[in-house]
């Protein structure tokens, strides 16, 4: 398999994974599972970034960070560090690449 074919599969698989996470996020939203929404949006960010959709990935990262802030303001205790680190790494990596 050539590099271009592998890259094409990576992009296609990233978008398919994004779509699956998007459906799961809608279900979590319906059931008001804020913690799950944040994690799913983080995974969606990673999938979009991997599929060369950096603008959309940044938007999902910002929404996830905003949700984290809203939850913190409501004094809900979650494991913030893991999700925040991943989202910040994605944003910083994107800035370094541009």
C-alpha atoms as a PDB file:
ATOM      1  CA  UNK A   1       0.000   0.000   0.000  1.00  0.00           C
ATOM      2  CA  UNK A   2       1.295   3.455  -0.857  1.00  0.00           C
ATOM      3  CA  UNK A   3       1.556   6.374   1.546  1.00  0.00           C
ATOM      4  CA  UNK A   4      -1.316   8.151  -0.219  1.00  0.00           C
ATOM      5  CA  UNK A   5      -3.586   5.117   0.158  1.00  0.00           C
ATOM      6  CA  UNK A   6      -2.745   4.820   3.853  1.00  0.00           C
ATOM      7  CA  UNK A   7      -3.364   8.521   4.345  1.00  0.00           C
ATOM      8  CA  UNK A   8      -6.709   8.215   2.557  1.00  0.00           C
ATOM      9  CA  UNK A   9      -7.744   5.334   4.844  1.00  0.00           C
ATOM     10  CA  UNK A  10      -6.654   7.318   7.913  1.00  0.00           C
ATOM     11  CA  UNK A  11      -8.806  10.275   6.900  1.00  0.00           C
ATOM     12  CA  UNK A  12     -11.780   8.069   6.026  1.00  0.00           C
ATOM     13  CA  UNK A  13     -11.533   6.113   9.284  1.00  0.00           C
ATOM     14  CA  UNK A  14     -11.163   9.322  11.283  1.00  0.00           C
ATOM     15  CA  UNK A  15     -14.376  10.678   9.789  1.00  0.00           C
ATOM     16  CA  UNK A  16     -16.233   7.411  10.382  1.00  0.00           C
ATOM     17  CA  UNK A  17     -15.110   7.339  14.017  1.00  0.00           C
ATOM     18  CA  UNK A  18     -16.154  10.991  14.366  1.00  0.00           C
ATOM     19  CA  UNK A  19     -19.650  10.121  13.108  1.00  0.00           C
ATOM     20  CA  UNK A  20     -19.970   7.297  15.636  1.00  0.00           C
ATOM     21  CA  UNK A  21     -18.853   9.540  18.496  1.00  0.00           C
ATOM     22  CA  UNK A  22     -21.264  12.220  17.266  1.00  0.00           C
ATOM     23  CA  UNK A  23     -24.201   9.809  17.574  1.00  0.00           C
ATOM     24  CA  UNK A  24     -23.060   8.776  21.054  1.00  0.00           C
ATOM     25  CA  UNK A  25     -22.750  12.450  22.031  1.00  0.00           C
ATOM     26  CA  UNK A  26     -26.323  13.133  20.900  1.00  0.00           C
ATOM     27  CA  UNK A  27     -27.515  10.251  23.078  1.00  0.00           C
ATOM     28  CA  UNK A  28     -25.501  11.570  26.026  1.00  0.00           C
ATOM     29  CA  UNK A  29     -26.950  15.030  25.397  1.00  0.00           C
ATOM     30  CA  UNK A  30     -30.490  13.662  25.418  1.00  0.00           C
ATOM     31  CA  UNK A  31     -29.832  11.932  28.733  1.00  0.00           C
ATOM     32  CA  UNK A  32     -27.991  14.966  30.137  1.00  0.00           C
ATOM     33  CA  UNK A  33     -24.729  13.113  30.756  1.00  0.00           C
ATOM     34  CA  UNK A  34     -22.425  16.133  30.733  1.00  0.00           C
ATOM     35  CA  UNK A  35     -19.333  14.187  31.727  1.00  0.00           C
ATOM     36  CA  UNK A  36     -19.809  11.784  28.828  1.00  0.00           C
ATOM     37  CA  UNK A  37     -20.423  14.663  26.416  1.00  0.00           C
ATOM     38  CA  UNK A  38     -17.094  16.211  27.321  1.00  0.00           C
ATOM     39  CA  UNK A  39     -15.192  12.962  26.827  1.00  0.00           C
ATOM     40  CA  UNK A  40     -16.988  12.240  23.559  1.00  0.00           C
ATOM     41  CA  UNK A  41     -16.311  15.747  22.263  1.00  0.00           C
ATOM     42  CA  UNK A  42     -12.640  15.213  23.125  1.00  0.00           C
ATOM     43  CA  UNK A  43     -12.631  11.997  21.101  1.00  0.00           C
ATOM     44  CA  UNK A  44     -14.457  13.767  18.266  1.00  0.00           C
ATOM     45  CA  UNK A  45     -11.738  16.435  18.342  1.00  0.00           C
ATOM     46  CA  UNK A  46      -9.037  13.785  17.977  1.00  0.00           C
ATOM     47  CA  UNK A  47     -10.881  12.099  15.093  1.00  0.00           C
ATOM     48  CA  UNK A  48     -11.392  15.375  13.226  1.00  0.00           C
ATOM     49  CA  UNK A  49      -7.789  16.377  13.750  1.00  0.00           C
ATOM     50  CA  UNK A  50      -6.642  13.004  12.421  1.00  0.00           C
ATOM     51  CA  UNK A  51      -8.908  13.470   9.392  1.00  0.00           C
ATOM     52  CA  UNK A  52      -7.217  16.807   8.558  1.00  0.00           C
ATOM     53  CA  UNK A  53     -10.231  18.823   9.712  1.00  0.00           C
ATOM     54  CA  UNK A  54      -8.315  21.126  12.027  1.00  0.00           C
ATOM     55  CA  UNK A  55     -10.834  23.990  12.119  1.00  0.00           C
ATOM     56  CA  UNK A  56     -13.678  21.699  13.145  1.00  0.00           C
ATOM     57  CA  UNK A  57     -11.378  19.977  15.642  1.00  0.00           C
ATOM     58  CA  UNK A  58     -10.545  23.304  17.248  1.00  0.00           C
ATOM     59  CA  UNK A  59     -14.216  24.197  17.514  1.00  0.00           C
ATOM     60  CA  UNK A  60     -15.039  20.898  19.233  1.00  0.00           C
ATOM     61  CA  UNK A  61     -12.094  21.411  21.584  1.00  0.00           C
ATOM     62  CA  UNK A  62     -13.345  24.872  22.500  1.00  0.00           C
ATOM     63  CA  UNK A  63     -16.858  23.569  23.154  1.00  0.00           C
ATOM     64  CA  UNK A  64     -15.480  20.782  25.345  1.00  0.00           C
ATOM     65  CA  UNK A  65     -13.401  23.297  27.302  1.00  0.00           C
ATOM     66  CA  UNK A  66     -16.454  25.546  27.669  1.00  0.00           C
ATOM     67  CA  UNK A  67     -18.486  22.592  28.972  1.00  0.00           C
ATOM     68  CA  UNK A  68     -15.709  21.803  31.435  1.00  0.00           C
ATOM     69  CA  UNK A  69     -15.830  25.372  32.697  1.00  0.00           C
ATOM     70  CA  UNK A  70     -19.618  25.247  33.006  1.00  0.00           C
ATOM     71  CA  UNK A  71     -19.421  22.034  34.996  1.00  0.00           C
ATOM     72  CA  UNK A  72     -16.693  23.430  37.229  1.00  0.00           C
ATOM     73  CA  UNK A  73     -18.818  26.505  37.846  1.00  0.00           C
ATOM     74  CA  UNK A  74     -21.625  24.173  38.906  1.00  0.00           C
ATOM     75  CA  UNK A  75     -19.186  22.437  41.275  1.00  0.00           C
ATOM     76  CA  UNK A  76     -19.467  19.023  39.661  1.00  0.00           C
ATOM     77  CA  UNK A  77     -16.362  16.990  40.471  1.00  0.00           C
ATOM     78  CA  UNK A  78     -14.856  15.186  37.475  1.00  0.00           C
ATOM     79  CA  UNK A  79     -11.487  13.990  36.393  1.00  0.00           C
ATOM     80  CA  UNK A  80     -10.598  17.207  34.544  1.00  0.00           C
ATOM     81  CA  UNK A  81      -6.903  16.714  34.048  1.00  0.00           C
ATOM     82  CA  UNK A  82      -6.987  13.965  31.413  1.00  0.00           C
ATOM     83  CA  UNK A  83      -9.511  15.665  29.119  1.00  0.00           C
ATOM     84  CA  UNK A  84      -8.033  19.146  29.529  1.00  0.00           C
ATOM     85  CA  UNK A  85      -4.508  17.929  28.782  1.00  0.00           C
ATOM     86  CA  UNK A  86      -5.603  16.201  25.570  1.00  0.00           C
ATOM     87  CA  UNK A  87      -7.541  19.217  24.333  1.00  0.00           C
ATOM     88  CA  UNK A  88      -4.749  21.656  25.179  1.00  0.00           C
ATOM     89  CA  UNK A  89      -2.201  19.390  23.451  1.00  0.00           C
ATOM     90  CA  UNK A  90      -4.329  19.362  20.293  1.00  0.00           C
ATOM     91  CA  UNK A  91      -4.686  23.136  20.236  1.00  0.00           C
ATOM     92  CA  UNK A  92      -0.969  23.699  20.890  1.00  0.00           C
ATOM     93  CA  UNK A  93       0.024  21.124  18.287  1.00  0.00           C
ATOM     94  CA  UNK A  94      -2.213  22.806  15.720  1.00  0.00           C
ATOM     95  CA  UNK A  95      -0.640  26.173  16.456  1.00  0.00           C
ATOM     96  CA  UNK A  96       2.849  24.697  16.112  1.00  0.00           C
ATOM     97  CA  UNK A  97       2.004  23.146  12.750  1.00  0.00           C
ATOM     98  CA  UNK A  98       0.665  26.419  11.380  1.00  0.00           C
END
